[in-house]
Amino acid sequence: MLVFAPFGPSTGKLVTVQPGYSVAQIATTLQQDGIIRNRFAFDVLARFERGTLKAGTYRFDHPVPMKTVYQRLHSGDVYTIALTIPEGYNIFDIATTVEKAGLGPQDAFLSAEQTDTALIRDLDPHAVSLEGYLFPDTYRLAPNTPPQQILGEMVNHFRKEAQVLGLTSEPPESISSTVILASLIERETPVSSDRPMIASVFENRLQKRMPLDTDPSVIYAALLEKRYRGTIYASDLKAKSPYNTYIHTGLPPGPICNPGIPSLKAAMHPSTSDYLYFVSDPENAGHSRFAATLQEHRKNVTAYRKGQRLGNGRD
């Protein structure tokens, strides 16, 4: 019988069932795409089963009985693409990842990230992009999902997490400052336990009106101006960008990446300390050494540089 005899493609084939399609329209689409042998037989089967067929994109990669096709559409076994956004990715990283996942051109997605700021207008009225509000996670998306829909899911995820943290109850100015600070913390260390202390360093420097002197913001400035060369040069440290925290005091004008929960928590609840400096700890990978004075910091920097030389096989 047509219902039980396997039929269909031997390689991957995507079929989209549009919302509002009738059973007859679905059957015609399936036959035209080579998923079933006979649309009339599928129509009879659907009438017999009396179930609801769900819209979406489905993937078929080997011949199956018509009843299996029906069951997949009835259960809504749609095909999705996994898009994984790690903590600390910026809008450039995300756009590249979207293209690699097959969800659309990098340039088009980056343009949407930089223009669809209405999605966060209530959270950050002065935002110039969605940077900071695209929550890091794995998203399951249908092929050909429009950029704004993808961005909407990421922003909604941010809203949910921020609400749990109590961040969304703050005024927009506080939300923005917290997200900016969290983005700096995120890029400064991969170690969650160090983040509240790094937050305290930034808070102490802000209170004393000292420049934050954070390299990730300098890199971000170079990325925005399309002049980043893979490392920081002296000219980058002198650039007039408002994101250059070596020449401007206070926070940069916006986030430099999309932070995760640990960094948001650290920005909201910094440790209490008198530290003003930190540098990577050569004896404890990923961690930092903190200092309250420039003299102490210089010693830590010397130890760090010595550790780098030893790690490179030089003494």
C-alpha atoms as a PDB file:
ATOM      1  CA  MET A   1       0.000   0.000   0.000  1.00  0.00           C
ATOM      2  CA  LEU A   2       1.083   3.604  -0.650  1.00  0.00           C
ATOM      3  CA  VAL A   3       0.789   4.424   3.057  1.00  0.00           C
ATOM      4  CA  PHE A   4       3.280   1.787   4.170  1.00  0.00           C
ATOM      5  CA  ALA A   5       5.755   1.628   1.273  1.00  0.00           C
ATOM      6  CA  PRO A   6       8.907   3.704   1.999  1.00  0.00           C
ATOM      7  CA  PHE A   7       9.412   6.648  -0.318  1.00  0.00           C
ATOM      8  CA  GLY A   8      11.393   9.868  -0.302  1.00  0.00           C
ATOM      9  CA  PRO A   9      14.831  11.394  -0.811  1.00  0.00           C
ATOM     10  CA  SER A  10      18.083   9.581  -0.042  1.00  0.00           C
ATOM     11  CA  THR A  11      19.858  12.822   0.938  1.00  0.00           C
ATOM     12  CA  GLY A  12      18.794  15.706   3.145  1.00  0.00           C
ATOM     13  CA  LYS A  13      15.767  17.634   1.890  1.00  0.00           C
ATOM     14  CA  LEU A  14      14.093  20.556   3.683  1.00  0.00           C
ATOM     15  CA  VAL A  15      10.364  21.068   3.298  1.00  0.00           C
ATOM     16  CA  THR A  16       8.479  24.045   4.726  1.00  0.00           C
ATOM     17  CA  VAL A  17       4.817  23.785   5.675  1.00  0.00           C
ATOM     18  CA  GLN A  18       3.450  27.311   5.817  1.00  0.00           C
ATOM     19  CA  PRO A  19       1.054  28.378   8.585  1.00  0.00           C
ATOM     20  CA  GLY A  20      -2.570  28.090   7.500  1.00  0.00           C
ATOM     21  CA  TYR A  21      -1.938  25.454   4.856  1.00  0.00           C
ATOM     22  CA  SER A  22      -4.810  23.031   4.301  1.00  0.00           C
ATOM     23  CA  VAL A  23      -4.193  19.278   4.246  1.00  0.00           C
ATOM     24  CA  ALA A  24      -4.502  19.363   0.452  1.00  0.00           C
ATOM     25  CA  GLN A  25      -1.881  22.111   0.197  1.00  0.00           C
ATOM     26  CA  ILE A  26       0.461  20.229   2.516  1.00  0.00           C
ATOM     27  CA  ALA A  27       0.018  17.030   0.524  1.00  0.00           C
ATOM     28  CA  THR A  28       0.754  18.883  -2.727  1.00  0.00           C
ATOM     29  CA  THR A  29       3.910  20.414  -1.241  1.00  0.00           C
ATOM     30  CA  LEU A  30       5.129  17.045   0.016  1.00  0.00           C
ATOM     31  CA  GLN A  31       4.576  15.432  -3.387  1.00  0.00           C
ATOM     32  CA  GLN A  32       6.240  18.278  -5.277  1.00  0.00           C
ATOM     33  CA  ASP A  33       9.289  18.047  -3.000  1.00  0.00           C
ATOM     34  CA  GLY A  34       9.543  14.297  -3.445  1.00  0.00           C
ATOM     35  CA  ILE A  35       8.685  13.352   0.132  1.00  0.00           C
ATOM     36  CA  ILE A  36       5.556  11.304  -0.684  1.00  0.00           C
ATOM     37  CA  ARG A  37       4.554   9.425  -3.804  1.00  0.00           C
ATOM     38  CA  ASN A  38       0.892  10.436  -3.995  1.00  0.00           C
ATOM     39  CA  ARG A  39      -0.830  13.510  -2.535  1.00  0.00           C
ATOM     40  CA  PHE A  40      -4.292  11.941  -2.756  1.00  0.00           C
ATOM     41  CA  ALA A  41      -3.222   9.000  -0.617  1.00  0.00           C
ATOM     42  CA  PHE A  42      -1.793  11.419   1.967  1.00  0.00           C
ATOM     43  CA  ASP A  43      -5.063  13.372   1.987  1.00  0.00           C
ATOM     44  CA  VAL A  44      -7.013  10.151   2.648  1.00  0.00           C
ATOM     45  CA  LEU A  45      -4.583   9.194   5.427  1.00  0.00           C
ATOM     46  CA  ALA A  46      -4.896  12.622   7.077  1.00  0.00           C
ATOM     47  CA  ARG A  47      -8.685  12.471   6.979  1.00  0.00           C
ATOM     48  CA  PHE A  48      -8.615   9.009   8.526  1.00  0.00           C
ATOM     49  CA  GLU A  49      -6.213  10.040  11.309  1.00  0.00           C
ATOM     50  CA  ARG A  50      -8.089  13.308  11.994  1.00  0.00           C
ATOM     51  CA  GLY A  51      -5.027  14.952  13.547  1.00  0.00           C
ATOM     52  CA  THR A  52      -3.626  18.447  13.233  1.00  0.00           C
ATOM     53  CA  LEU A  53      -0.573  18.997  11.041  1.00  0.00           C
ATOM     54  CA  LYS A  54       1.854  21.617  12.329  1.00  0.00           C
ATOM     55  CA  ALA A  55       3.564  24.312  10.297  1.00  0.00           C
ATOM     56  CA  GLY A  56       7.336  24.515  10.181  1.00  0.00           C
ATOM     57  CA  THR A  57      10.409  23.282   8.352  1.00  0.00           C
ATOM     58  CA  TYR A  58      11.003  19.529   8.259  1.00  0.00           C
ATOM     59  CA  ARG A  59      14.053  17.580   7.137  1.00  0.00           C
ATOM     60  CA  PHE A  60      13.837  14.218   5.380  1.00  0.00           C
ATOM     61  CA  ASP A  61      17.031  12.339   4.512  1.00  0.00           C
ATOM     62  CA  HIS A  62      15.878   8.800   3.715  1.00  0.00           C
ATOM     63  CA  PRO A  63      12.769   7.039   2.358  1.00  0.00           C
ATOM     64  CA  VAL A  64      10.046   6.442   4.946  1.00  0.00           C
ATOM     65  CA  PRO A  65       6.436   5.242   4.879  1.00  0.00           C
ATOM     66  CA  MET A  66       3.822   7.915   4.264  1.00  0.00           C
ATOM     67  CA  LYS A  67       2.418   7.314   7.723  1.00  0.00           C
ATOM     68  CA  THR A  68       5.802   8.263   9.214  1.00  0.00           C
ATOM     69  CA  VAL A  69       5.702  11.531   7.283  1.00  0.00           C
ATOM     70  CA  TYR A  70       2.216  12.176   8.619  1.00  0.00           C
ATOM     71  CA  GLN A  71       3.277  11.396  12.210  1.00  0.00           C
ATOM     72  CA  ARG A  72       6.226  13.749  12.025  1.00  0.00           C
ATOM     73  CA  LEU A  73       4.045  16.623  10.835  1.00  0.00           C
ATOM     74  CA  HIS A  74       1.409  15.770  13.425  1.00  0.00           C
ATOM     75  CA  SER A  75       3.948  15.816  16.300  1.00  0.00           C
ATOM     76  CA  GLY A  76       5.680  18.956  15.000  1.00  0.00           C
ATOM     77  CA  ASP A  77       9.074  17.282  14.636  1.00  0.00           C
ATOM     78  CA  VAL A  78      10.500  20.354  12.924  1.00  0.00           C
ATOM     79  CA  TYR A  79      14.104  20.810  11.825  1.00  0.00           C
ATOM     80  CA  THR A  80      16.142  23.405  13.690  1.00  0.00           C
ATOM     81  CA  ILE A  81      19.701  24.700  13.627  1.00  0.00           C
ATOM     82  CA  ALA A  82      21.626  25.022  16.898  1.00  0.00           C
ATOM     83  CA  LEU A  83      23.166  28.472  17.336  1.00  0.00           C
ATOM     84  CA  THR A  84      25.543  28.569  20.313  1.00  0.00           C
ATOM     85  CA  ILE A  85      26.637  31.988  21.575  1.00  0.00           C
ATOM     86  CA  PRO A  86      29.308  31.746  24.304  1.00  0.00           C
ATOM     87  CA  GLU A  87      29.564  34.292  27.111  1.00  0.00           C
ATOM     88  CA  GLY A  88      31.681  37.259  26.082  1.00  0.00           C
ATOM     89  CA  TYR A  89      30.905  37.170  22.354  1.00  0.00           C
ATOM     90  CA  ASN A  90      30.438  40.616  20.834  1.00  0.00           C
ATOM     91  CA  ILE A  91      28.153  41.544  17.952  1.00  0.00           C
ATOM     92  CA  PHE A  92      30.920  40.816  15.438  1.00  0.00           C
ATOM     93  CA  ASP A  93      31.496  37.329  16.865  1.00  0.00           C
ATOM     94  CA  ILE A  94      27.764  36.614  16.848  1.00  0.00           C
ATOM     95  CA  ALA A  95      27.308  37.733  13.245  1.00  0.00           C
ATOM     96  CA  THR A  96      30.160  35.449  12.180  1.00  0.00           C
ATOM     97  CA  THR A  97      28.666  32.533  14.128  1.00  0.00           C
ATOM     98  CA  VAL A  98      25.245  33.092  12.553  1.00  0.00           C
ATOM     99  CA  GLU A  99      26.731  32.846   9.070  1.00  0.00           C
ATOM    100  CA  LYS A 100      28.760  29.737   9.932  1.00  0.00           C
ATOM    101  CA  ALA A 101      25.572  28.102  11.237  1.00  0.00           C
ATOM    102  CA  GLY A 102      23.904  28.699   7.878  1.00  0.00           C
ATOM    103  CA  LEU A 103      21.372  31.177   9.228  1.00  0.00           C
ATOM    104  CA  GLY A 104      22.192  34.066   6.928  1.00  0.00           C
ATOM    105  CA  PRO A 105      24.921  36.452   5.757  1.00  0.00           C
ATOM    106  CA  GLN A 106      27.228  37.935   8.377  1.00  0.00           C
ATOM    107  CA  ASP A 107      26.908  41.501   7.076  1.00  0.00           C
ATOM    108  CA  ALA A 108      23.105  41.455   7.119  1.00  0.00           C
ATOM    109  CA  PHE A 109      23.008  40.159  10.682  1.00  0.00           C
ATOM    110  CA  LEU A 110      25.609  42.678  11.887  1.00  0.00           C
ATOM    111  CA  SER A 111      23.578  45.470  10.305  1.00  0.00           C
ATOM    112  CA  ALA A 112      20.478  44.297  12.191  1.00  0.00           C
ATOM    113  CA  GLU A 113      22.460  44.151  15.455  1.00  0.00           C
ATOM    114  CA  GLN A 114      23.500  47.756  14.946  1.00  0.00           C
ATOM    115  CA  THR A 115      20.120  49.159  13.911  1.00  0.00           C
ATOM    116  CA  ASP A 116      17.340  47.218  15.676  1.00  0.00           C
ATOM    117  CA  THR A 117      17.818  49.132  18.938  1.00  0.00           C
ATOM    118  CA  ALA A 118      14.051  49.538  19.353  1.00  0.00           C
ATOM    119  CA  LEU A 119      14.177  46.030  20.859  1.00  0.00           C
ATOM    120  CA  ILE A 120      15.897  47.464  23.960  1.00  0.00           C
ATOM    121  CA  ARG A 121      14.686  51.061  23.927  1.00  0.00           C
ATOM    122  CA  ASP A 122      13.088  50.705  27.376  1.00  0.00           C
ATOM    123  CA  LEU A 123      16.240  49.141  28.841  1.00  0.00           C
ATOM    124  CA  ASP A 124      18.794  51.457  27.253  1.00  0.00           C
ATOM    125  CA  PRO A 125      17.279  54.509  25.518  1.00  0.00           C
ATOM    126  CA  HIS A 126      20.667  55.646  24.209  1.00  0.00           C
ATOM    127  CA  ALA A 127      21.914  52.309  22.874  1.00  0.00           C
ATOM    128  CA  VAL A 128      23.635  52.481  19.493  1.00  0.00           C
ATOM    129  CA  SER A 129      23.474  48.705  19.006  1.00  0.00           C
ATOM    130  CA  LEU A 130      22.156  45.587  20.745  1.00  0.00           C
ATOM    131  CA  GLU A 131      25.596  44.895  22.227  1.00  0.00           C
ATOM    132  CA  GLY A 132      25.304  43.620  25.802  1.00  0.00           C
ATOM    133  CA  TYR A 133      21.670  42.530  25.519  1.00  0.00           C
ATOM    134  CA  LEU A 134      22.040  39.419  23.330  1.00  0.00           C
ATOM    135  CA  PHE A 135      22.061  36.756  25.992  1.00  0.00           C
ATOM    136  CA  PRO A 136      24.676  33.991  25.576  1.00  0.00           C
ATOM    137  CA  ASP A 137      23.049  30.572  25.200  1.00  0.00           C
ATOM    138  CA  THR A 138      22.207  27.882  22.641  1.00  0.00           C
ATOM    139  CA  TYR A 139      19.209  28.751  20.482  1.00  0.00           C
ATOM    140  CA  ARG A 140      17.285  26.281  18.300  1.00  0.00           C
ATOM    141  CA  LEU A 141      16.228  28.115  15.156  1.00  0.00           C
ATOM    142  CA  ALA A 142      14.413  27.219  11.969  1.00  0.00           C
ATOM    143  CA  PRO A 143      16.305  27.732   8.712  1.00  0.00           C
ATOM    144  CA  ASN A 144      15.731  31.156   7.147  1.00  0.00           C
ATOM    145  CA  THR A 145      14.733  32.692  10.478  1.00  0.00           C
ATOM    146  CA  PRO A 146      14.912  36.493   9.930  1.00  0.00           C
ATOM    147  CA  PRO A 147      17.678  38.360  11.812  1.00  0.00           C
ATOM    148  CA  GLN A 148      15.202  40.435  13.814  1.00  0.00           C
ATOM    149  CA  GLN A 149      13.449  37.288  15.056  1.00  0.00           C
ATOM    150  CA  ILE A 150      16.759  35.771  16.164  1.00  0.00           C
ATOM    151  CA  LEU A 151      17.746  39.013  17.879  1.00  0.00           C
ATOM    152  CA  GLY A 152      14.316  39.220  19.491  1.00  0.00           C
ATOM    153  CA  GLU A 153      14.772  35.775  21.040  1.00  0.00           C
ATOM    154  CA  MET A 154      18.186  36.747  22.404  1.00  0.00           C
ATOM    155  CA  VAL A 155      16.913  40.014  23.871  1.00  0.00           C
ATOM    156  CA  ASN A 156      13.886  38.293  25.415  1.00  0.00           C
ATOM    157  CA  HIS A 157      16.222  35.763  27.012  1.00  0.00           C
ATOM    158  CA  PHE A 158      18.243  38.656  28.450  1.00  0.00           C
ATOM    159  CA  ARG A 159      15.068  40.221  29.841  1.00  0.00           C
ATOM    160  CA  LYS A 160      14.075  36.991  31.598  1.00  0.00           C
ATOM    161  CA  GLU A 161      17.491  36.494  33.175  1.00  0.00           C
ATOM    162  CA  ALA A 162      17.799  40.162  34.123  1.00  0.00           C
ATOM    163  CA  GLN A 163      14.388  40.035  35.784  1.00  0.00           C
ATOM    164  CA  VAL A 164      15.452  37.050  37.899  1.00  0.00           C
ATOM    165  CA  LEU A 165      18.559  38.992  38.958  1.00  0.00           C
ATOM    166  CA  GLY A 166      16.464  42.041  39.829  1.00  0.00           C
ATOM    167  CA  LEU A 167      18.212  44.158  37.230  1.00  0.00           C
ATOM    168  CA  THR A 168      15.119  45.163  35.244  1.00  0.00           C
ATOM    169  CA  SER A 169      13.624  46.838  38.322  1.00  0.00           C
ATOM    170  CA  GLU A 170      16.394  49.455  38.132  1.00  0.00           C
ATOM    171  CA  PRO A 171      16.090  52.675  36.080  1.00  0.00           C
ATOM    172  CA  PRO A 172      17.469  52.495  32.520  1.00  0.00           C
ATOM    173  CA  GLU A 173      20.620  54.434  33.462  1.00  0.00           C
ATOM    174  CA  SER A 174      21.475  51.844  36.111  1.00  0.00           C
ATOM    175  CA  ILE A 175      20.687  48.932  33.792  1.00  0.00           C
ATOM    176  CA  SER A 176      22.962  50.360  31.114  1.00  0.00           C
ATOM    177  CA  SER A 177      25.828  51.023  33.544  1.00  0.00           C
ATOM    178  CA  THR A 178      25.538  47.527  34.993  1.00  0.00           C
ATOM    179  CA  VAL A 179      25.585  45.853  31.577  1.00  0.00           C
ATOM    180  CA  ILE A 180      28.569  47.951  30.463  1.00  0.00           C
ATOM    181  CA  LEU A 181      30.488  47.084  33.626  1.00  0.00           C
ATOM    182  CA  ALA A 182      29.534  43.409  33.313  1.00  0.00           C
ATOM    183  CA  SER A 183      30.807  43.359  29.735  1.00  0.00           C
ATOM    184  CA  LEU A 184      34.212  44.692  30.855  1.00  0.00           C
ATOM    185  CA  ILE A 185      34.376  42.104  33.637  1.00  0.00           C
ATOM    186  CA  GLU A 186      33.403  39.333  31.214  1.00  0.00           C
ATOM    187  CA  ARG A 187      36.268  40.139  28.880  1.00  0.00           C
ATOM    188  CA  GLU A 188      38.833  40.547  31.637  1.00  0.00           C
ATOM    189  CA  THR A 189      38.670  37.063  33.152  1.00  0.00           C
ATOM    190  CA  PRO A 190      37.306  33.591  32.434  1.00  0.00           C
ATOM    191  CA  VAL A 191      37.230  32.811  36.178  1.00  0.00           C
ATOM    192  CA  SER A 192      33.861  33.466  37.804  1.00  0.00           C
ATOM    193  CA  SER A 193      35.302  33.633  41.324  1.00  0.00           C
ATOM    194  CA  ASP A 194      37.581  36.553  40.355  1.00  0.00           C
ATOM    195  CA  ARG A 195      34.818  38.636  38.810  1.00  0.00           C
ATOM    196  CA  PRO A 196      33.420  40.318  41.969  1.00  0.00           C
ATOM    197  CA  MET A 197      36.958  41.422  42.874  1.00  0.00           C
ATOM    198  CA  ILE A 198      37.600  42.780  39.393  1.00  0.00           C
ATOM    199  CA  ALA A 199      34.280  44.596  39.687  1.00  0.00           C
ATOM    200  CA  SER A 200      35.550  46.180  42.909  1.00  0.00           C
ATOM    201  CA  VAL A 201      38.714  47.383  41.128  1.00  0.00           C
ATOM    202  CA  PHE A 202      36.630  49.080  38.452  1.00  0.00           C
ATOM    203  CA  GLU A 203      34.271  50.598  41.025  1.00  0.00           C
ATOM    204  CA  ASN A 204      37.198  51.946  43.060  1.00  0.00           C
ATOM    205  CA  ARG A 205      38.803  53.489  39.986  1.00  0.00           C
ATOM    206  CA  LEU A 206      35.494  55.036  38.930  1.00  0.00           C
ATOM    207  CA  GLN A 207      35.067  56.596  42.363  1.00  0.00           C
ATOM    208  CA  LYS A 208      38.577  58.072  42.201  1.00  0.00           C
ATOM    209  CA  ARG A 209      37.986  59.241  38.598  1.00  0.00           C
ATOM    210  CA  MET A 210      40.871  57.132  37.389  1.00  0.00           C
ATOM    211  CA  PRO A 211      40.832  55.750  33.835  1.00  0.00           C
ATOM    212  CA  LEU A 212      39.806  52.087  33.839  1.00  0.00           C
ATOM    213  CA  ASP A 213      42.796  51.183  31.609  1.00  0.00           C
ATOM    214  CA  THR A 214      41.131  48.028  30.313  1.00  0.00           C
ATOM    215  CA  ASP A 215      42.547  46.477  27.136  1.00  0.00           C
ATOM    216  CA  PRO A 216      39.300  44.816  25.947  1.00  0.00           C
ATOM    217  CA  SER A 217      37.686  48.240  25.522  1.00  0.00           C
ATOM    218  CA  VAL A 218      40.611  49.367  23.380  1.00  0.00           C
ATOM    219  CA  ILE A 219      40.226  46.282  21.210  1.00  0.00           C
ATOM    220  CA  TYR A 220      36.510  46.964  20.879  1.00  0.00           C
ATOM    221  CA  ALA A 221      37.206  50.537  19.789  1.00  0.00           C
ATOM    222  CA  ALA A 222      39.489  49.189  17.071  1.00  0.00           C
ATOM    223  CA  LEU A 223      36.847  46.664  15.972  1.00  0.00           C
ATOM    224  CA  LEU A 224      34.218  49.391  15.645  1.00  0.00           C
ATOM    225  CA  GLU A 225      36.569  51.450  13.503  1.00  0.00           C
ATOM    226  CA  LYS A 226      37.677  48.386  11.475  1.00  0.00           C
ATOM    227  CA  ARG A 227      41.329  48.830  12.372  1.00  0.00           C
ATOM    228  CA  TYR A 228      41.942  45.954  14.765  1.00  0.00           C
ATOM    229  CA  ARG A 229      45.061  44.013  13.725  1.00  0.00           C
ATOM    230  CA  GLY A 230      44.950  41.102  16.146  1.00  0.00           C
ATOM    231  CA  THR A 231      46.903  42.804  18.918  1.00  0.00           C
ATOM    232  CA  ILE A 232      47.063  46.198  20.662  1.00  0.00           C
ATOM    233  CA  TYR A 233      49.491  48.765  19.273  1.00  0.00           C
ATOM    234  CA  ALA A 234      50.652  52.049  20.796  1.00  0.00           C
ATOM    235  CA  SER A 235      48.444  53.902  18.330  1.00  0.00           C
ATOM    236  CA  ASP A 236      45.404  52.008  19.666  1.00  0.00           C
ATOM    237  CA  LEU A 237      46.134  53.243  23.191  1.00  0.00           C
ATOM    238  CA  LYS A 238      46.126  56.825  21.904  1.00  0.00           C
ATOM    239  CA  ALA A 239      42.987  56.520  19.765  1.00  0.00           C
ATOM    240  CA  LYS A 240      40.340  59.145  20.529  1.00  0.00           C
ATOM    241  CA  SER A 241      37.469  56.659  20.552  1.00  0.00           C
ATOM    242  CA  PRO A 242      35.142  57.080  23.563  1.00  0.00           C
ATOM    243  CA  TYR A 243      35.690  53.335  24.125  1.00  0.00           C
ATOM    244  CA  ASN A 244      39.398  53.958  24.830  1.00  0.00           C
ATOM    245  CA  THR A 245      39.484  53.674  28.619  1.00  0.00           C
ATOM    246  CA  TYR A 246      43.158  54.671  28.699  1.00  0.00           C
ATOM    247  CA  ILE A 247      42.420  58.278  27.756  1.00  0.00           C
ATOM    248  CA  HIS A 248      38.814  58.649  28.949  1.00  0.00           C
ATOM    249  CA  THR A 249      37.627  58.323  32.531  1.00  0.00           C
ATOM    250  CA  GLY A 250      34.355  56.666  33.439  1.00  0.00           C
ATOM    251  CA  LEU A 251      32.631  53.789  31.707  1.00  0.00           C
ATOM    252  CA  PRO A 252      32.712  53.492  27.916  1.00  0.00           C
ATOM    253  CA  PRO A 253      29.502  54.636  26.187  1.00  0.00           C
ATOM    254  CA  GLY A 254      28.195  51.092  25.716  1.00  0.00           C
ATOM    255  CA  PRO A 255      28.884  47.404  26.401  1.00  0.00           C
ATOM    256  CA  ILE A 256      31.816  45.758  24.612  1.00  0.00           C
ATOM    257  CA  CYS A 257      30.374  42.227  24.583  1.00  0.00           C
ATOM    258  CA  ASN A 258      27.426  40.170  25.814  1.00  0.00           C
ATOM    259  CA  PRO A 259      28.009  39.089  29.426  1.00  0.00           C
ATOM    260  CA  GLY A 260      26.659  36.018  31.171  1.00  0.00           C
ATOM    261  CA  ILE A 261      25.026  35.726  34.581  1.00  0.00           C
ATOM    262  CA  PRO A 262      28.251  35.541  36.688  1.00  0.00           C
ATOM    263  CA  SER A 263      29.522  38.826  35.237  1.00  0.00           C
ATOM    264  CA  LEU A 264      26.131  40.517  35.635  1.00  0.00           C
ATOM    265  CA  LYS A 265      26.024  39.375  39.262  1.00  0.00           C
ATOM    266  CA  ALA A 266      29.555  40.679  39.844  1.00  0.00           C
ATOM    267  CA  ALA A 267      28.660  44.065  38.367  1.00  0.00           C
ATOM    268  CA  MET A 268      25.574  44.261  40.582  1.00  0.00           C
ATOM    269  CA  HIS A 269      27.370  43.062  43.709  1.00  0.00           C
ATOM    270  CA  PRO A 270      31.098  43.912  43.614  1.00  0.00           C
ATOM    271  CA  SER A 271      33.383  42.760  46.392  1.00  0.00           C
ATOM    272  CA  THR A 272      34.532  45.327  48.930  1.00  0.00           C
ATOM    273  CA  SER A 273      38.232  46.092  48.599  1.00  0.00           C
ATOM    274  CA  ASP A 274      40.805  48.850  48.305  1.00  0.00           C
ATOM    275  CA  TYR A 275      42.302  47.342  45.160  1.00  0.00           C
ATOM    276  CA  LEU A 276      42.987  49.601  42.179  1.00  0.00           C
ATOM    277  CA  TYR A 277      44.950  47.228  39.953  1.00  0.00           C
ATOM    278  CA  PHE A 278      45.008  43.648  38.731  1.00  0.00           C
ATOM    279  CA  VAL A 279      47.062  41.551  36.347  1.00  0.00           C
ATOM    280  CA  SER A 280      47.072  37.895  35.296  1.00  0.00           C
ATOM    281  CA  ASP A 281      48.548  35.531  37.866  1.00  0.00           C
ATOM    282  CA  PRO A 282      51.426  33.569  36.271  1.00  0.00           C
ATOM    283  CA  GLU A 283      51.157  30.845  38.922  1.00  0.00           C
ATOM    284  CA  ASN A 284      47.406  30.323  38.749  1.00  0.00           C
ATOM    285  CA  ALA A 285      46.169  30.201  35.164  1.00  0.00           C
ATOM    286  CA  GLY A 286      43.119  32.335  34.456  1.00  0.00           C
ATOM    287  CA  HIS A 287      43.181  34.035  37.846  1.00  0.00           C
ATOM    288  CA  SER A 288      44.393  37.549  38.654  1.00  0.00           C
ATOM    289  CA  ARG A 289      46.662  39.186  41.206  1.00  0.00           C
ATOM    290  CA  PHE A 290      45.273  42.316  42.833  1.00  0.00           C
ATOM    291  CA  ALA A 291      47.028  45.344  44.288  1.00  0.00           C
ATOM    292  CA  ALA A 292      46.046  48.500  46.165  1.00  0.00           C
ATOM    293  CA  THR A 293      49.176  50.481  45.268  1.00  0.00           C
ATOM    294  CA  LEU A 294      51.043  51.111  42.046  1.00  0.00           C
ATOM    295  CA  GLN A 295      54.245  49.826  43.640  1.00  0.00           C
ATOM    296  CA  GLU A 296      52.628  46.508  44.504  1.00  0.00           C
ATOM    297  CA  HIS A 297      51.048  46.322  41.061  1.00  0.00           C
ATOM    298  CA  ARG A 298      54.412  46.821  39.398  1.00  0.00           C
ATOM    299  CA  LYS A 299      55.768  43.838  41.328  1.00  0.00           C
ATOM    300  CA  ASN A 300      52.830  41.745  40.125  1.00  0.00           C
ATOM    301  CA  VAL A 301      53.416  42.879  36.545  1.00  0.00           C
ATOM    302  CA  THR A 302      57.105  41.953  36.820  1.00  0.00           C
ATOM    303  CA  ALA A 303      56.118  38.482  38.082  1.00  0.00           C
ATOM    304  CA  TYR A 304      53.638  38.143  35.231  1.00  0.00           C
ATOM    305  CA  ARG A 305      56.201  39.097  32.605  1.00  0.00           C
ATOM    306  CA  LYS A 306      58.760  36.736  34.118  1.00  0.00           C
ATOM    307  CA  GLY A 307      56.168  33.961  33.999  1.00  0.00           C
ATOM    308  CA  GLN A 308      55.546  34.726  30.334  1.00  0.00           C
ATOM    309  CA  ARG A 309      59.250  34.503  29.551  1.00  0.00           C
ATOM    310  CA  LEU A 310      59.592  31.196  31.368  1.00  0.00           C
ATOM    311  CA  GLY A 311      56.505  29.884  29.592  1.00  0.00           C
ATOM    312  CA  ASN A 312      58.103  30.764  26.272  1.00  0.00           C
ATOM    313  CA  GLY A 313      61.276  28.934  27.222  1.00  0.00           C
ATOM    314  CA  ARG A 314      63.257  32.090  28.013  1.00  0.00           C
ATOM    315  CA  ASP A 315      64.842  33.141  31.292  1.00  0.00           C
END
